Amino acid sequence: YKHREIAELLKKPVGTVTWTYKNALAKLKAHLEEE
């Protein structure tokens, strides 16, 4: 799904979905590098 489609599905602004996605990837990357 594209970010705008996810925003519609979750009833969130597109900017919030994009921001959340990028932050989540950063968290995952940091965690996996630490592991």
PDB file of all heavy atoms in Angstrom:
ATOM      1  N   TYR A   1       0.835  -1.198   0.000  1.00  0.00           N
ATOM      2  CA  TYR A   1       0.000   0.000   0.000  1.00  0.00           C
ATOM      3  C   TYR A   1       0.871   1.249   0.000  1.00  0.00           C
ATOM      4  O   TYR A   1       1.935   1.283   0.602  1.00  0.00           O
ATOM      5  CB  TYR A   1      -0.899   0.023   1.243  1.00  0.00           C
ATOM      6  CG  TYR A   1      -2.051  -0.941   1.165  1.00  0.00           C
ATOM      7  CD1 TYR A   1      -1.945  -2.230   1.684  1.00  0.00           C
ATOM      8  CD2 TYR A   1      -3.256  -0.566   0.588  1.00  0.00           C
ATOM      9  CE1 TYR A   1      -3.001  -3.113   1.618  1.00  0.00           C
ATOM     10  CE2 TYR A   1      -4.323  -1.444   0.525  1.00  0.00           C
ATOM     11  CZ  TYR A   1      -4.188  -2.722   1.033  1.00  0.00           C
ATOM     12  OH  TYR A   1      -5.239  -3.594   0.969  1.00  0.00           O
ATOM     13  N   LYS A   2       0.395   2.276  -0.684  1.00  0.00           N
ATOM     14  CA  LYS A   2       1.076   3.571  -0.684  1.00  0.00           C
ATOM     15  C   LYS A   2       0.717   4.298   0.606  1.00  0.00           C
ATOM     16  O   LYS A   2      -0.300   3.998   1.240  1.00  0.00           O
ATOM     17  CB  LYS A   2       0.636   4.383  -1.897  1.00  0.00           C
ATOM     18  CG  LYS A   2       1.078   3.743  -3.191  1.00  0.00           C
ATOM     19  CD  LYS A   2       0.612   4.543  -4.378  1.00  0.00           C
ATOM     20  CE  LYS A   2       1.219   3.947  -5.628  1.00  0.00           C
ATOM     21  NZ  LYS A   2       0.289   3.596  -6.637  1.00  0.00           N
ATOM     22  N   HIS A   3       1.518   5.281   0.971  1.00  0.00           N
ATOM     23  CA  HIS A   3       1.284   6.016   2.217  1.00  0.00           C
ATOM     24  C   HIS A   3      -0.093   6.668   2.235  1.00  0.00           C
ATOM     25  O   HIS A   3      -0.769   6.669   3.256  1.00  0.00           O
ATOM     26  CB  HIS A   3       2.380   7.065   2.449  1.00  0.00           C
ATOM     27  CG  HIS A   3       3.712   6.469   2.751  1.00  0.00           C
ATOM     28  ND1 HIS A   3       3.956   5.707   3.866  1.00  0.00           N
ATOM     29  CD2 HIS A   3       4.877   6.498   2.069  1.00  0.00           C
ATOM     30  CE1 HIS A   3       5.213   5.299   3.870  1.00  0.00           C
ATOM     31  NE2 HIS A   3       5.793   5.758   2.780  1.00  0.00           N
ATOM     32  N   ARG A   4      -0.526   7.208   1.110  1.00  0.00           N
ATOM     33  CA  ARG A   4      -1.851   7.850   1.081  1.00  0.00           C
ATOM     34  C   ARG A   4      -2.962   6.823   1.272  1.00  0.00           C
ATOM     35  O   ARG A   4      -3.980   7.108   1.895  1.00  0.00           O
ATOM     36  CB  ARG A   4      -2.053   8.676  -0.187  1.00  0.00           C
ATOM     37  CG  ARG A   4      -2.098   7.898  -1.458  1.00  0.00           C
ATOM     38  CD  ARG A   4      -2.446   8.771  -2.675  1.00  0.00           C
ATOM     39  NE  ARG A   4      -2.227   8.058  -3.906  1.00  0.00           N
ATOM     40  CZ  ARG A   4      -2.949   7.029  -4.323  1.00  0.00           C
ATOM     41  NH1 ARG A   4      -3.958   6.605  -3.609  1.00  0.00           N
ATOM     42  NH2 ARG A   4      -2.672   6.415  -5.453  1.00  0.00           N
ATOM     43  N   GLU A   5      -2.778   5.603   0.757  1.00  0.00           N
ATOM     44  CA  GLU A   5      -3.775   4.549   0.939  1.00  0.00           C
ATOM     45  C   GLU A   5      -3.816   4.104   2.408  1.00  0.00           C
ATOM     46  O   GLU A   5      -4.898   3.886   2.960  1.00  0.00           O
ATOM     47  CB  GLU A   5      -3.455   3.350   0.041  1.00  0.00           C
ATOM     48  CG  GLU A   5      -3.591   3.644  -1.433  1.00  0.00           C
ATOM     49  CD  GLU A   5      -3.067   2.525  -2.321  1.00  0.00           C
ATOM     50  OE1 GLU A   5      -2.040   1.899  -1.980  1.00  0.00           O
ATOM     51  OE2 GLU A   5      -3.694   2.290  -3.366  1.00  0.00           O
ATOM     52  N   ILE A   6      -2.656   3.996   3.015  1.00  0.00           N
ATOM     53  CA  ILE A   6      -2.593   3.634   4.435  1.00  0.00           C
ATOM     54  C   ILE A   6      -3.253   4.718   5.267  1.00  0.00           C
ATOM     55  O   ILE A   6      -3.989   4.425   6.213  1.00  0.00           O
ATOM     56  CB  ILE A   6      -1.133   3.390   4.876  1.00  0.00           C
ATOM     57  CG1 ILE A   6      -0.538   2.195   4.127  1.00  0.00           C
ATOM     58  CG2 ILE A   6      -1.051   3.177   6.386  1.00  0.00           C
ATOM     59  CD1 ILE A   6       0.956   2.031   4.284  1.00  0.00           C
ATOM     60  N   ALA A   7      -3.022   5.966   4.901  1.00  0.00           N
ATOM     61  CA  ALA A   7      -3.645   7.082   5.612  1.00  0.00           C
ATOM     62  C   ALA A   7      -5.169   6.975   5.553  1.00  0.00           C
ATOM     63  O   ALA A   7      -5.852   7.181   6.563  1.00  0.00           O
ATOM     64  CB  ALA A   7      -3.182   8.411   5.021  1.00  0.00           C
ATOM     65  N   GLU A   8      -5.694   6.632   4.397  1.00  0.00           N
ATOM     66  CA  GLU A   8      -7.140   6.455   4.264  1.00  0.00           C
ATOM     67  C   GLU A   8      -7.630   5.281   5.103  1.00  0.00           C
ATOM     68  O   GLU A   8      -8.659   5.376   5.766  1.00  0.00           O
ATOM     69  CB  GLU A   8      -7.515   6.234   2.798  1.00  0.00           C
ATOM     70  CG  GLU A   8      -7.391   7.459   1.926  1.00  0.00           C
ATOM     71  CD  GLU A   8      -7.684   7.163   0.459  1.00  0.00           C
ATOM     72  OE1 GLU A   8      -8.336   6.151   0.162  1.00  0.00           O
ATOM     73  OE2 GLU A   8      -7.247   7.968  -0.387  1.00  0.00           O
ATOM     74  N   LEU A   9      -6.892   4.175   5.049  1.00  0.00           N
ATOM     75  CA  LEU A   9      -7.290   2.973   5.790  1.00  0.00           C
ATOM     76  C   LEU A   9      -7.308   3.213   7.300  1.00  0.00           C
ATOM     77  O   LEU A   9      -8.212   2.761   7.996  1.00  0.00           O
ATOM     78  CB  LEU A   9      -6.348   1.809   5.475  1.00  0.00           C
ATOM     79  CG  LEU A   9      -6.350   1.288   4.049  1.00  0.00           C
ATOM     80  CD1 LEU A   9      -5.245   0.260   3.871  1.00  0.00           C
ATOM     81  CD2 LEU A   9      -7.692   0.689   3.692  1.00  0.00           C
ATOM     82  N   LEU A  10      -6.291   3.922   7.783  1.00  0.00           N
ATOM     83  CA  LEU A  10      -6.157   4.136   9.222  1.00  0.00           C
ATOM     84  C   LEU A  10      -6.779   5.453   9.684  1.00  0.00           C
ATOM     85  O   LEU A  10      -6.734   5.771  10.875  1.00  0.00           O
ATOM     86  CB  LEU A  10      -4.680   4.087   9.626  1.00  0.00           C
ATOM     87  CG  LEU A  10      -3.946   2.771   9.351  1.00  0.00           C
ATOM     88  CD1 LEU A  10      -2.498   2.871   9.782  1.00  0.00           C
ATOM     89  CD2 LEU A  10      -4.636   1.603  10.040  1.00  0.00           C
ATOM     90  N   LYS A  11      -7.315   6.202   8.728  1.00  0.00           N
ATOM     91  CA  LYS A  11      -7.939   7.496   9.028  1.00  0.00           C
ATOM     92  C   LYS A  11      -6.960   8.436   9.741  1.00  0.00           C
ATOM     93  O   LYS A  11      -7.243   8.983  10.793  1.00  0.00           O
ATOM     94  CB  LYS A  11      -9.219   7.299   9.841  1.00  0.00           C
ATOM     95  CG  LYS A  11     -10.295   6.542   9.082  1.00  0.00           C
ATOM     96  CD  LYS A  11     -11.507   6.290   9.934  1.00  0.00           C
ATOM     97  CE  LYS A  11     -12.601   5.613   9.174  1.00  0.00           C
ATOM     98  NZ  LYS A  11     -12.433   4.242   8.852  1.00  0.00           N
ATOM     99  N   LYS A  12      -5.781   8.560   9.123  1.00  0.00           N
ATOM    100  CA  LYS A  12      -4.710   9.422   9.624  1.00  0.00           C
ATOM    101  C   LYS A  12      -4.270  10.334   8.494  1.00  0.00           C
ATOM    102  O   LYS A  12      -4.389   9.974   7.324  1.00  0.00           O
ATOM    103  CB  LYS A  12      -3.493   8.593  10.065  1.00  0.00           C
ATOM    104  CG  LYS A  12      -3.766   7.555  11.119  1.00  0.00           C
ATOM    105  CD  LYS A  12      -3.621   8.155  12.460  1.00  0.00           C
ATOM    106  CE  LYS A  12      -3.829   7.074  13.516  1.00  0.00           C
ATOM    107  NZ  LYS A  12      -4.145   7.623  14.781  1.00  0.00           N
ATOM    108  N   PRO A  13      -3.707  11.503   8.811  1.00  0.00           N
ATOM    109  CA  PRO A  13      -3.152  12.351   7.754  1.00  0.00           C
ATOM    110  C   PRO A  13      -1.966  11.660   7.075  1.00  0.00           C
ATOM    111  O   PRO A  13      -1.217  10.913   7.714  1.00  0.00           O
ATOM    112  CB  PRO A  13      -2.679  13.599   8.499  1.00  0.00           C
ATOM    113  CG  PRO A  13      -3.402  13.583   9.800  1.00  0.00           C
ATOM    114  CD  PRO A  13      -3.667  12.149  10.126  1.00  0.00           C
ATOM    115  N   VAL A  14      -1.791  11.908   5.780  1.00  0.00           N
ATOM    116  CA  VAL A  14      -0.696  11.295   5.025  1.00  0.00           C
ATOM    117  C   VAL A  14       0.652  11.649   5.649  1.00  0.00           C
ATOM    118  O   VAL A  14       1.535  10.791   5.766  1.00  0.00           O
ATOM    119  CB  VAL A  14      -0.730  11.736   3.539  1.00  0.00           C
ATOM    120  CG1 VAL A  14       0.457  11.170   2.779  1.00  0.00           C
ATOM    121  CG2 VAL A  14      -2.020  11.300   2.887  1.00  0.00           C
ATOM    122  N   GLY A  15       0.811  12.878   6.079  1.00  0.00           N
ATOM    123  CA  GLY A  15       2.064  13.295   6.703  1.00  0.00           C
ATOM    124  C   GLY A  15       2.376  12.494   7.956  1.00  0.00           C
ATOM    125  O   GLY A  15       3.528  12.137   8.204  1.00  0.00           O
ATOM    126  N   THR A  16       1.356  12.199   8.732  1.00  0.00           N
ATOM    127  CA  THR A  16       1.543  11.400   9.950  1.00  0.00           C
ATOM    128  C   THR A  16       1.975   9.987   9.604  1.00  0.00           C
ATOM    129  O   THR A  16       2.884   9.431  10.235  1.00  0.00           O
ATOM    130  CB  THR A  16       0.233  11.365  10.777  1.00  0.00           C
ATOM    131  OG1 THR A  16      -0.124  12.694  11.116  1.00  0.00           O
ATOM    132  CG2 THR A  16       0.379  10.521  12.021  1.00  0.00           C
ATOM    133  N   VAL A  17       1.359   9.403   8.584  1.00  0.00           N
ATOM    134  CA  VAL A  17       1.715   8.048   8.166  1.00  0.00           C
ATOM    135  C   VAL A  17       3.157   8.025   7.654  1.00  0.00           C
ATOM    136  O   VAL A  17       3.939   7.149   8.033  1.00  0.00           O
ATOM    137  CB  VAL A  17       0.728   7.521   7.099  1.00  0.00           C
ATOM    138  CG1 VAL A  17       1.240   6.236   6.459  1.00  0.00           C
ATOM    139  CG2 VAL A  17      -0.643   7.297   7.715  1.00  0.00           C
ATOM    140  N   THR A  18       3.510   8.982   6.822  1.00  0.00           N
ATOM    141  CA  THR A  18       4.866   9.045   6.277  1.00  0.00           C
ATOM    142  C   THR A  18       5.894   9.238   7.393  1.00  0.00           C
ATOM    143  O   THR A  18       6.921   8.549   7.432  1.00  0.00           O
ATOM    144  CB  THR A  18       4.981  10.197   5.254  1.00  0.00           C
ATOM    145  OG1 THR A  18       3.989   9.997   4.248  1.00  0.00           O
ATOM    146  CG2 THR A  18       6.347  10.249   4.620  1.00  0.00           C
ATOM    147  N   TRP A  19       5.620  10.154   8.299  1.00  0.00           N
ATOM    148  CA  TRP A  19       6.516  10.423   9.419  1.00  0.00           C
ATOM    149  C   TRP A  19       6.658   9.180  10.299  1.00  0.00           C
ATOM    150  O   TRP A  19       7.768   8.794  10.684  1.00  0.00           O
ATOM    151  CB  TRP A  19       5.966  11.603  10.226  1.00  0.00           C
ATOM    152  CG  TRP A  19       6.828  12.021  11.361  1.00  0.00           C
ATOM    153  CD1 TRP A  19       7.925  12.827  11.327  1.00  0.00           C
ATOM    154  CD2 TRP A  19       6.672  11.637  12.736  1.00  0.00           C
ATOM    155  NE1 TRP A  19       8.450  12.979  12.587  1.00  0.00           N
ATOM    156  CE2 TRP A  19       7.698  12.250  13.472  1.00  0.00           C
ATOM    157  CE3 TRP A  19       5.761  10.832  13.404  1.00  0.00           C
ATOM    158  CZ2 TRP A  19       7.846  12.081  14.834  1.00  0.00           C
ATOM    159  CZ3 TRP A  19       5.900  10.663  14.779  1.00  0.00           C
ATOM    160  CH2 TRP A  19       6.934  11.287  15.474  1.00  0.00           C
ATOM    161  N   THR A  20       5.535   8.531  10.613  1.00  0.00           N
ATOM    162  CA  THR A  20       5.553   7.329  11.443  1.00  0.00           C
ATOM    163  C   THR A  20       6.352   6.222  10.764  1.00  0.00           C
ATOM    164  O   THR A  20       7.145   5.529  11.406  1.00  0.00           O
ATOM    165  CB  THR A  20       4.116   6.851  11.742  1.00  0.00           C
ATOM    166  OG1 THR A  20       3.399   7.915  12.369  1.00  0.00           O
ATOM    167  CG2 THR A  20       4.099   5.620  12.624  1.00  0.00           C
ATOM    168  N   TYR A  21       6.150   6.061   9.460  1.00  0.00           N
ATOM    169  CA  TYR A  21       6.864   5.036   8.706  1.00  0.00           C
ATOM    170  C   TYR A  21       8.375   5.272   8.757  1.00  0.00           C
ATOM    171  O   TYR A  21       9.144   4.353   9.055  1.00  0.00           O
ATOM    172  CB  TYR A  21       6.369   5.022   7.259  1.00  0.00           C
ATOM    173  CG  TYR A  21       7.105   4.055   6.376  1.00  0.00           C
ATOM    174  CD1 TYR A  21       6.847   2.684   6.441  1.00  0.00           C
ATOM    175  CD2 TYR A  21       8.066   4.488   5.477  1.00  0.00           C
ATOM    176  CE1 TYR A  21       7.519   1.782   5.641  1.00  0.00           C
ATOM    177  CE2 TYR A  21       8.745   3.593   4.669  1.00  0.00           C
ATOM    178  CZ  TYR A  21       8.469   2.246   4.752  1.00  0.00           C
ATOM    179  OH  TYR A  21       9.146   1.360   3.957  1.00  0.00           O
ATOM    180  N   LYS A  22       8.786   6.499   8.491  1.00  0.00           N
ATOM    181  CA  LYS A  22      10.224   6.803   8.490  1.00  0.00           C
ATOM    182  C   LYS A  22      10.835   6.625   9.878  1.00  0.00           C
ATOM    183  O   LYS A  22      11.933   6.085  10.017  1.00  0.00           O
ATOM    184  CB  LYS A  22      10.464   8.219   7.969  1.00  0.00           C
ATOM    185  CG  LYS A  22      10.234   8.319   6.482  1.00  0.00           C
ATOM    186  CD  LYS A  22      10.485   9.700   5.947  1.00  0.00           C
ATOM    187  CE  LYS A  22      10.239   9.715   4.447  1.00  0.00           C
ATOM    188  NZ  LYS A  22      10.417  11.012   3.850  1.00  0.00           N
ATOM    189  N   ASN A  23      10.134   7.049  10.916  1.00  0.00           N
ATOM    190  CA  ASN A  23      10.631   6.857  12.282  1.00  0.00           C
ATOM    191  C   ASN A  23      10.689   5.380  12.651  1.00  0.00           C
ATOM    192  O   ASN A  23      11.628   4.941  13.321  1.00  0.00           O
ATOM    193  CB  ASN A  23       9.765   7.611  13.291  1.00  0.00           C
ATOM    194  CG  ASN A  23      10.067   9.086  13.304  1.00  0.00           C
ATOM    195  OD1 ASN A  23      11.097   9.526  12.823  1.00  0.00           O
ATOM    196  ND2 ASN A  23       9.158   9.862  13.872  1.00  0.00           N
ATOM    197  N   ALA A  24       9.693   4.617  12.217  1.00  0.00           N
ATOM    198  CA  ALA A  24       9.676   3.179  12.508  1.00  0.00           C
ATOM    199  C   ALA A  24      10.861   2.492  11.839  1.00  0.00           C
ATOM    200  O   ALA A  24      11.519   1.641  12.453  1.00  0.00           O
ATOM    201  CB  ALA A  24       8.356   2.563  12.038  1.00  0.00           C
ATOM    202  N   LEU A  25      11.148   2.863  10.592  1.00  0.00           N
ATOM    203  CA  LEU A  25      12.311   2.279   9.906  1.00  0.00           C
ATOM    204  C   LEU A  25      13.609   2.636  10.610  1.00  0.00           C
ATOM    205  O   LEU A  25      14.507   1.803  10.723  1.00  0.00           O
ATOM    206  CB  LEU A  25      12.356   2.729   8.449  1.00  0.00           C
ATOM    207  CG  LEU A  25      11.296   2.148   7.524  1.00  0.00           C
ATOM    208  CD1 LEU A  25      11.548   2.606   6.086  1.00  0.00           C
ATOM    209  CD2 LEU A  25      11.245   0.637   7.591  1.00  0.00           C
ATOM    210  N   ALA A  26      13.706   3.873  11.084  1.00  0.00           N
ATOM    211  CA  ALA A  26      14.915   4.282  11.816  1.00  0.00           C
ATOM    212  C   ALA A  26      15.063   3.465  13.098  1.00  0.00           C
ATOM    213  O   ALA A  26      16.177   3.033  13.440  1.00  0.00           O
ATOM    214  CB  ALA A  26      14.853   5.772  12.132  1.00  0.00           C
ATOM    215  N   LYS A  27      13.956   3.243  13.810  1.00  0.00           N
ATOM    216  CA  LYS A  27      14.001   2.418  15.030  1.00  0.00           C
ATOM    217  C   LYS A  27      14.449   0.995  14.697  1.00  0.00           C
ATOM    218  O   LYS A  27      15.278   0.415  15.408  1.00  0.00           O
ATOM    219  CB  LYS A  27      12.616   2.338  15.678  1.00  0.00           C
ATOM    220  CG  LYS A  27      12.185   3.530  16.452  1.00  0.00           C
ATOM    221  CD  LYS A  27      10.824   3.213  17.076  1.00  0.00           C
ATOM    222  CE  LYS A  27      10.175   4.375  17.752  1.00  0.00           C
ATOM    223  NZ  LYS A  27       8.865   4.002  18.325  1.00  0.00           N
ATOM    224  N   LEU A  28      13.877   0.432  13.630  1.00  0.00           N
ATOM    225  CA  LEU A  28      14.233  -0.932  13.236  1.00  0.00           C
ATOM    226  C   LEU A  28      15.702  -1.026  12.851  1.00  0.00           C
ATOM    227  O   LEU A  28      16.398  -1.964  13.253  1.00  0.00           O
ATOM    228  CB  LEU A  28      13.373  -1.399  12.061  1.00  0.00           C
ATOM    229  CG  LEU A  28      11.948  -1.799  12.386  1.00  0.00           C
ATOM    230  CD1 LEU A  28      11.171  -2.065  11.100  1.00  0.00           C
ATOM    231  CD2 LEU A  28      11.926  -3.036  13.270  1.00  0.00           C
ATOM    232  N   LYS A  29      16.164  -0.065  12.084  1.00  0.00           N
ATOM    233  CA  LYS A  29      17.561  -0.066  11.657  1.00  0.00           C
ATOM    234  C   LYS A  29      18.491  -0.004  12.869  1.00  0.00           C
ATOM    235  O   LYS A  29      19.448  -0.781  12.959  1.00  0.00           O
ATOM    236  CB  LYS A  29      17.823   1.113  10.722  1.00  0.00           C
ATOM    237  CG  LYS A  29      19.233   1.154  10.190  1.00  0.00           C
ATOM    238  CD  LYS A  29      19.444   2.327   9.271  1.00  0.00           C
ATOM    239  CE  LYS A  29      20.890   2.366   8.803  1.00  0.00           C
ATOM    240  NZ  LYS A  29      21.187   3.564   8.045  1.00  0.00           N
ATOM    241  N   ALA A  30      18.199   0.891  13.794  1.00  0.00           N
ATOM    242  CA  ALA A  30      19.031   1.028  14.993  1.00  0.00           C
ATOM    243  C   ALA A  30      19.024  -0.265  15.807  1.00  0.00           C
ATOM    244  O   ALA A  30      20.069  -0.721  16.275  1.00  0.00           O
ATOM    245  CB  ALA A  30      18.547   2.199  15.841  1.00  0.00           C
ATOM    246  N   HIS A  31      17.847  -0.862  15.949  1.00  0.00           N
ATOM    247  CA  HIS A  31      17.729  -2.108  16.708  1.00  0.00           C
ATOM    248  C   HIS A  31      18.517  -3.248  16.046  1.00  0.00           C
ATOM    249  O   HIS A  31      19.253  -3.977  16.711  1.00  0.00           O
ATOM    250  CB  HIS A  31      16.256  -2.491  16.856  1.00  0.00           C
ATOM    251  CG  HIS A  31      16.049  -3.813  17.522  1.00  0.00           C
ATOM    252  ND1 HIS A  31      16.169  -3.966  18.889  1.00  0.00           N
ATOM    253  CD2 HIS A  31      15.750  -5.036  17.034  1.00  0.00           C
ATOM    254  CE1 HIS A  31      15.939  -5.233  19.205  1.00  0.00           C
ATOM    255  NE2 HIS A  31      15.692  -5.899  18.087  1.00  0.00           N
ATOM    256  N   LEU A  32      18.368  -3.378  14.726  1.00  0.00           N
ATOM    257  CA  LEU A  32      19.053  -4.452  14.016  1.00  0.00           C
ATOM    258  C   LEU A  32      20.566  -4.242  14.012  1.00  0.00           C
ATOM    259  O   LEU A  32      21.330  -5.216  14.126  1.00  0.00           O
ATOM    260  CB  LEU A  32      18.517  -4.576  12.583  1.00  0.00           C
ATOM    261  CG  LEU A  32      17.070  -5.093  12.487  1.00  0.00           C
ATOM    262  CD1 LEU A  32      16.566  -4.974  11.050  1.00  0.00           C
ATOM    263  CD2 LEU A  32      16.943  -6.513  13.013  1.00  0.00           C
ATOM    264  N   GLU A  33      21.008  -3.002  13.910  1.00  0.00           N
ATOM    265  CA  GLU A  33      22.451  -2.724  13.988  1.00  0.00           C
ATOM    266  C   GLU A  33      22.991  -3.055  15.370  1.00  0.00           C
ATOM    267  O   GLU A  33      24.097  -3.598  15.503  1.00  0.00           O
ATOM    268  CB  GLU A  33      22.732  -1.268  13.631  1.00  0.00           C
ATOM    269  CG  GLU A  33      22.585  -0.976  12.152  1.00  0.00           C
ATOM    270  CD  GLU A  33      22.698   0.503  11.802  1.00  0.00           C
ATOM    271  OE1 GLU A  33      22.704   1.358  12.722  1.00  0.00           O
ATOM    272  OE2 GLU A  33      22.769   0.808  10.604  1.00  0.00           O
ATOM    273  N   GLU A  34      22.224  -2.739  16.397  1.00  0.00           N
ATOM    274  CA  GLU A  34      22.625  -3.053  17.769  1.00  0.00           C
ATOM    275  C   GLU A  34      22.701  -4.569  17.959  1.00  0.00           C
ATOM    276  O   GLU A  34      23.652  -5.078  18.578  1.00  0.00           O
ATOM    277  CB  GLU A  34      21.641  -2.447  18.764  1.00  0.00           C
ATOM    278  CG  GLU A  34      21.956  -2.715  20.210  1.00  0.00           C
ATOM    279  CD  GLU A  34      23.273  -2.089  20.680  1.00  0.00           C
ATOM    280  OE1 GLU A  34      23.638  -1.023  20.145  1.00  0.00           O
ATOM    281  OE2 GLU A  34      23.923  -2.669  21.552  1.00  0.00           O
ATOM    282  N   GLU A  35      21.740  -5.283  17.437  1.00  0.00           N
ATOM    283  CA  GLU A  35      21.741  -6.750  17.531  1.00  0.00           C
ATOM    284  C   GLU A  35      22.943  -7.341  16.798  1.00  0.00           C
ATOM    285  O   GLU A  35      23.523  -8.301  17.267  1.00  0.00           O
ATOM    286  CB  GLU A  35      20.442  -7.325  16.942  1.00  0.00           C
ATOM    287  CG  GLU A  35      19.216  -7.099  17.780  1.00  0.00           C
ATOM    288  CD  GLU A  35      19.275  -7.871  19.086  1.00  0.00           C
ATOM    289  OE1 GLU A  35      19.614  -9.077  19.060  1.00  0.00           O
ATOM    290  OE2 GLU A  35      18.972  -7.265  20.127  1.00  0.00           O
TER     291      GLU A  35
END
